[in-house]
N, C-alpha and C. Protein backbone atom coordinates (compact mmCIF):
# COMPACT_ATOMS: atom_id res chain seq x y z
N MET A 1 70.84 97.91 105.27
CA MET A 1 70.43 98.82 104.21
C MET A 1 70.69 100.26 104.66
N PRO A 2 71.40 101.01 103.85
CA PRO A 2 71.66 102.41 104.19
C PRO A 2 70.39 103.26 104.14
N ASN A 3 70.39 104.31 104.94
CA ASN A 3 69.31 105.29 104.93
C ASN A 3 69.79 106.57 104.24
N VAL A 4 68.94 107.13 103.40
CA VAL A 4 69.21 108.41 102.73
C VAL A 4 68.22 109.41 103.29
N THR A 5 68.74 110.50 103.89
CA THR A 5 67.88 111.54 104.45
C THR A 5 68.00 112.79 103.59
N ALA A 6 66.86 113.27 103.14
CA ALA A 6 66.78 114.49 102.32
C ALA A 6 65.41 115.10 102.57
N PRO A 7 65.25 116.40 102.40
CA PRO A 7 64.13 117.25 102.78
C PRO A 7 63.12 116.68 103.78
N GLY A 8 63.63 116.34 104.98
CA GLY A 8 62.75 115.86 106.02
C GLY A 8 62.21 114.47 105.79
N LYS A 9 62.80 113.74 104.87
CA LYS A 9 62.34 112.40 104.52
C LYS A 9 63.54 111.46 104.60
N THR A 10 63.34 110.29 105.17
CA THR A 10 64.39 109.28 105.22
C THR A 10 63.88 108.03 104.52
N VAL A 11 64.69 107.53 103.57
CA VAL A 11 64.32 106.33 102.82
C VAL A 11 65.48 105.34 102.87
N ALA A 12 65.16 104.07 102.86
CA ALA A 12 66.18 103.03 102.84
C ALA A 12 66.46 102.63 101.40
N CYS A 13 67.71 102.21 101.14
CA CYS A 13 68.08 101.72 99.81
C CYS A 13 69.11 100.63 99.97
N LYS A 14 69.38 99.93 98.89
CA LYS A 14 70.41 98.90 98.90
C LYS A 14 71.79 99.55 98.90
N ALA A 15 72.74 98.93 99.56
CA ALA A 15 74.12 99.42 99.51
C ALA A 15 74.58 99.37 98.06
N GLY A 16 75.17 100.46 97.59
CA GLY A 16 75.63 100.55 96.21
C GLY A 16 74.62 101.17 95.27
N ALA A 17 73.45 101.53 95.79
CA ALA A 17 72.41 102.14 94.94
C ALA A 17 72.85 103.50 94.43
N ASN A 18 72.41 103.84 93.23
CA ASN A 18 72.69 105.14 92.62
C ASN A 18 71.87 106.20 93.33
N LEU A 19 72.52 107.25 93.83
CA LEU A 19 71.84 108.28 94.61
C LEU A 19 70.75 109.00 93.80
N ARG A 20 71.01 109.31 92.55
CA ARG A 20 70.00 109.98 91.73
C ARG A 20 68.72 109.14 91.66
N ARG A 21 68.87 107.85 91.39
CA ARG A 21 67.71 106.96 91.30
C ARG A 21 66.98 106.86 92.63
N VAL A 22 67.71 106.78 93.73
CA VAL A 22 67.08 106.70 95.05
C VAL A 22 66.23 107.94 95.29
N LEU A 23 66.77 109.12 95.03
CA LEU A 23 66.02 110.36 95.26
C LEU A 23 64.79 110.44 94.36
N LEU A 24 64.97 110.24 93.06
CA LEU A 24 63.85 110.35 92.13
C LEU A 24 62.78 109.28 92.39
N ASP A 25 63.20 108.06 92.68
CA ASP A 25 62.24 106.97 92.93
C ASP A 25 61.41 107.20 94.18
N ASN A 26 61.90 108.09 95.06
CA ASN A 26 61.18 108.39 96.30
C ASN A 26 60.58 109.79 96.30
N ASP A 27 60.35 110.32 95.08
CA ASP A 27 59.69 111.62 94.90
C ASP A 27 60.38 112.78 95.62
N ILE A 28 61.70 112.74 95.65
CA ILE A 28 62.49 113.84 96.20
C ILE A 28 62.97 114.66 95.01
N ALA A 29 62.57 115.91 94.95
CA ALA A 29 62.83 116.78 93.80
C ALA A 29 64.31 117.14 93.72
N LEU A 30 65.05 116.43 92.93
CA LEU A 30 66.50 116.60 92.82
C LEU A 30 66.89 117.84 92.02
N TYR A 31 66.07 118.22 91.07
CA TYR A 31 66.43 119.30 90.14
C TYR A 31 65.74 120.61 90.48
N ASN A 32 66.44 121.72 90.25
CA ASN A 32 65.90 123.06 90.48
C ASN A 32 65.28 123.61 89.20
N GLY A 33 64.08 124.12 89.29
CA GLY A 33 63.44 124.79 88.16
C GLY A 33 63.41 123.95 86.91
N ASN A 34 63.81 124.57 85.78
CA ASN A 34 63.77 123.89 84.48
C ASN A 34 64.80 122.78 84.34
N ALA A 35 65.71 122.65 85.29
CA ALA A 35 66.66 121.54 85.24
C ALA A 35 65.90 120.21 85.35
N ASN A 36 64.68 120.26 85.86
CA ASN A 36 63.84 119.06 85.92
C ASN A 36 63.55 118.54 84.50
N LEU A 37 63.48 119.45 83.55
CA LEU A 37 63.22 119.07 82.15
C LEU A 37 64.49 118.96 81.33
N ILE A 38 65.46 119.80 81.65
CA ILE A 38 66.69 119.88 80.86
C ILE A 38 67.84 119.35 81.71
N ASN A 39 68.06 118.05 81.66
CA ASN A 39 69.20 117.45 82.35
C ASN A 39 69.66 116.25 81.53
N CYS A 40 70.79 115.72 81.88
CA CYS A 40 71.40 114.66 81.07
C CYS A 40 70.87 113.27 81.38
N ARG A 41 69.91 113.17 82.27
CA ARG A 41 69.26 111.89 82.61
C ARG A 41 70.22 110.88 83.23
N GLY A 42 71.27 111.40 83.88
CA GLY A 42 72.13 110.52 84.65
C GLY A 42 73.44 110.10 84.04
N ILE A 43 73.83 110.73 82.92
CA ILE A 43 75.10 110.33 82.32
C ILE A 43 76.29 111.16 82.82
N GLY A 44 76.04 112.14 83.67
CA GLY A 44 77.12 112.89 84.29
C GLY A 44 77.65 114.06 83.51
N SER A 45 76.93 114.51 82.49
CA SER A 45 77.46 115.60 81.66
C SER A 45 76.90 116.98 81.98
N CYS A 46 75.75 117.09 82.65
CA CYS A 46 75.15 118.41 82.82
C CYS A 46 75.49 119.07 84.16
N GLY A 47 75.57 118.30 85.22
CA GLY A 47 75.91 118.87 86.53
C GLY A 47 74.74 119.41 87.31
N THR A 48 73.50 119.23 86.84
CA THR A 48 72.34 119.80 87.53
C THR A 48 71.92 119.01 88.77
N CYS A 49 72.48 117.83 88.97
CA CYS A 49 72.13 117.02 90.14
C CYS A 49 73.14 117.17 91.27
N ALA A 50 73.92 118.25 91.25
CA ALA A 50 74.94 118.47 92.28
C ALA A 50 74.29 118.65 93.65
N VAL A 51 74.81 117.93 94.63
CA VAL A 51 74.30 117.99 96.00
C VAL A 51 75.48 117.89 96.97
N LEU A 52 75.23 118.30 98.20
CA LEU A 52 76.19 118.12 99.28
C LEU A 52 75.80 116.86 100.02
N ILE A 53 76.76 116.00 100.28
CA ILE A 53 76.48 114.71 100.92
C ILE A 53 77.31 114.58 102.19
N ASP A 54 76.63 114.20 103.26
CA ASP A 54 77.32 113.90 104.51
C ASP A 54 77.09 112.42 104.79
N GLY A 55 78.15 111.64 104.75
CA GLY A 55 78.04 110.21 104.98
C GLY A 55 78.86 109.43 103.99
N GLU A 56 78.70 108.11 104.01
CA GLU A 56 79.55 107.22 103.23
C GLU A 56 79.00 106.96 101.82
N VAL A 57 79.74 107.43 100.84
CA VAL A 57 79.39 107.22 99.43
C VAL A 57 80.65 106.82 98.66
N SER A 58 80.46 106.41 97.42
CA SER A 58 81.58 106.05 96.55
C SER A 58 82.49 107.25 96.31
N ALA A 59 83.73 106.96 95.97
CA ALA A 59 84.68 108.02 95.61
C ALA A 59 84.23 108.67 94.31
N PRO A 60 84.53 109.95 94.13
CA PRO A 60 84.16 110.61 92.87
C PRO A 60 84.86 109.96 91.68
N ASN A 61 84.10 109.68 90.62
CA ASN A 61 84.70 109.12 89.41
C ASN A 61 85.12 110.27 88.48
N TRP A 62 85.68 109.93 87.33
CA TRP A 62 86.20 110.96 86.42
C TRP A 62 85.10 111.86 85.88
N LYS A 63 83.89 111.33 85.67
CA LYS A 63 82.80 112.17 85.18
C LYS A 63 82.41 113.20 86.23
N ASP A 64 82.29 112.76 87.47
CA ASP A 64 81.94 113.65 88.57
C ASP A 64 83.00 114.74 88.73
N ARG A 65 84.24 114.35 88.83
CA ARG A 65 85.33 115.33 89.00
C ARG A 65 85.41 116.28 87.80
N GLY A 66 85.29 115.72 86.61
CA GLY A 66 85.40 116.53 85.40
C GLY A 66 84.30 117.58 85.29
N ARG A 67 83.05 117.18 85.49
CA ARG A 67 81.95 118.13 85.35
C ARG A 67 81.99 119.20 86.43
N ARG A 68 82.34 118.82 87.64
CA ARG A 68 82.40 119.79 88.73
C ARG A 68 83.61 120.71 88.64
N SER A 69 84.53 120.43 87.72
CA SER A 69 85.68 121.31 87.53
C SER A 69 85.38 122.42 86.54
N LEU A 70 84.20 122.38 85.93
CA LEU A 70 83.80 123.39 84.94
C LEU A 70 82.74 124.32 85.50
N PRO A 71 82.76 125.60 85.07
CA PRO A 71 81.73 126.54 85.52
C PRO A 71 80.33 126.05 85.13
N PRO A 72 79.35 126.36 85.92
CA PRO A 72 79.38 127.25 87.07
C PRO A 72 79.82 126.57 88.36
N HIS A 73 80.22 125.30 88.30
CA HIS A 73 80.68 124.63 89.51
C HIS A 73 82.10 125.05 89.86
N ASN A 74 82.48 124.78 91.09
CA ASN A 74 83.79 125.09 91.59
C ASN A 74 84.36 123.80 92.19
N PRO A 75 85.47 123.31 91.68
CA PRO A 75 86.00 122.03 92.17
C PRO A 75 86.42 122.05 93.64
N GLU A 76 86.55 123.23 94.21
CA GLU A 76 86.92 123.36 95.62
C GLU A 76 85.73 123.12 96.54
N ARG A 77 84.54 123.23 96.00
CA ARG A 77 83.32 123.05 96.79
C ARG A 77 83.01 121.55 96.90
N PRO A 78 82.63 121.07 98.07
CA PRO A 78 82.46 119.62 98.27
C PRO A 78 81.13 119.05 97.77
N LEU A 79 80.67 119.50 96.60
CA LEU A 79 79.44 118.95 96.03
C LEU A 79 79.76 117.68 95.26
N ARG A 80 78.75 116.88 95.02
CA ARG A 80 78.88 115.66 94.23
C ARG A 80 77.73 115.59 93.25
N LEU A 81 77.91 114.89 92.14
CA LEU A 81 76.83 114.63 91.21
C LEU A 81 76.08 113.40 91.70
N ALA A 82 74.80 113.55 91.99
CA ALA A 82 74.00 112.42 92.50
C ALA A 82 74.00 111.27 91.51
N CYS A 83 74.01 111.58 90.22
CA CYS A 83 73.95 110.54 89.19
C CYS A 83 75.20 109.68 89.12
N GLN A 84 76.29 110.15 89.67
CA GLN A 84 77.56 109.42 89.62
C GLN A 84 77.98 108.91 91.00
N THR A 85 77.07 108.95 91.95
CA THR A 85 77.38 108.61 93.34
C THR A 85 76.61 107.37 93.78
N ARG A 86 77.33 106.45 94.40
CA ARG A 86 76.74 105.23 94.97
C ARG A 86 76.64 105.38 96.48
N VAL A 87 75.50 105.02 97.04
CA VAL A 87 75.27 105.10 98.48
C VAL A 87 75.88 103.86 99.13
N LEU A 88 76.80 104.08 100.08
CA LEU A 88 77.47 102.96 100.75
C LEU A 88 77.05 102.81 102.21
N GLY A 89 76.59 103.92 102.81
CA GLY A 89 76.16 103.92 104.20
C GLY A 89 75.11 104.99 104.39
N ASP A 90 74.71 105.24 105.63
CA ASP A 90 73.72 106.27 105.91
C ASP A 90 74.25 107.64 105.48
N ILE A 91 73.42 108.40 104.78
CA ILE A 91 73.83 109.73 104.32
C ILE A 91 72.71 110.76 104.52
N THR A 92 73.13 112.02 104.56
CA THR A 92 72.21 113.15 104.54
C THR A 92 72.57 113.97 103.31
N VAL A 93 71.56 114.34 102.54
CA VAL A 93 71.76 115.06 101.28
C VAL A 93 71.17 116.46 101.39
N THR A 94 71.93 117.46 100.92
CA THR A 94 71.48 118.85 100.91
C THR A 94 71.56 119.37 99.49
N LYS A 95 70.50 120.03 99.04
CA LYS A 95 70.46 120.62 97.70
C LYS A 95 70.49 122.14 97.82
N TYR A 96 71.32 122.79 97.00
CA TYR A 96 71.41 124.24 96.99
C TYR A 96 70.65 124.82 95.80
N ASP A 97 70.44 126.12 95.82
CA ASP A 97 69.66 126.81 94.80
C ASP A 97 70.47 127.02 93.52
N GLN A 98 69.87 127.68 92.58
CA GLN A 98 70.34 127.99 91.23
C GLN A 98 70.22 126.76 90.33
N PHE A 99 70.28 127.00 89.04
CA PHE A 99 69.98 125.97 88.05
C PHE A 99 70.78 124.68 88.26
N TRP A 100 72.07 124.80 88.45
CA TRP A 100 72.94 123.62 88.61
C TRP A 100 73.11 123.21 90.08
N GLY A 101 72.39 123.83 90.98
CA GLY A 101 72.56 123.52 92.39
C GLY A 101 73.85 124.07 92.95
N GLN A 102 74.42 125.06 92.26
CA GLN A 102 75.71 125.62 92.65
C GLN A 102 75.59 126.83 93.56
N GLY A 103 74.37 127.22 93.92
CA GLY A 103 74.17 128.41 94.75
C GLY A 103 74.66 128.23 96.17
N GLN A 104 74.39 129.23 96.98
CA GLN A 104 74.81 129.22 98.38
C GLN A 104 73.66 129.06 99.36
N THR A 105 72.42 129.16 98.84
CA THR A 105 71.24 129.05 99.69
C THR A 105 70.69 127.64 99.64
N VAL A 106 70.45 127.06 100.81
CA VAL A 106 69.92 125.70 100.86
C VAL A 106 68.51 125.68 100.28
N GLN A 107 68.30 124.81 99.32
CA GLN A 107 66.99 124.61 98.70
C GLN A 107 66.18 123.62 99.53
N TRP A 108 66.84 122.55 99.93
CA TRP A 108 66.31 121.56 100.86
C TRP A 108 67.44 120.81 101.52
């Protein structure tokens, strides 16, 4: 079972688990500010669940690549949408500031 490490917390999940669900199910605050209320609930259209991931995850799908190619995201930045990402091995997740998580300051 892969381990997901985020804000000083490590949780185990099944291989292939959806990263957004793993974080939310373990009370890890994935969204910044009002994005907690105003988000697409995992369909990949809003981009508010963008995170930096270190470790083995699924390749970016078309929804992930497409949303991150639009402002305020930058496709050159190595962020991923948690809602479109499957955990394949041990990972560490970092969340940045600003509404869509597109900032430069680490939130957690």
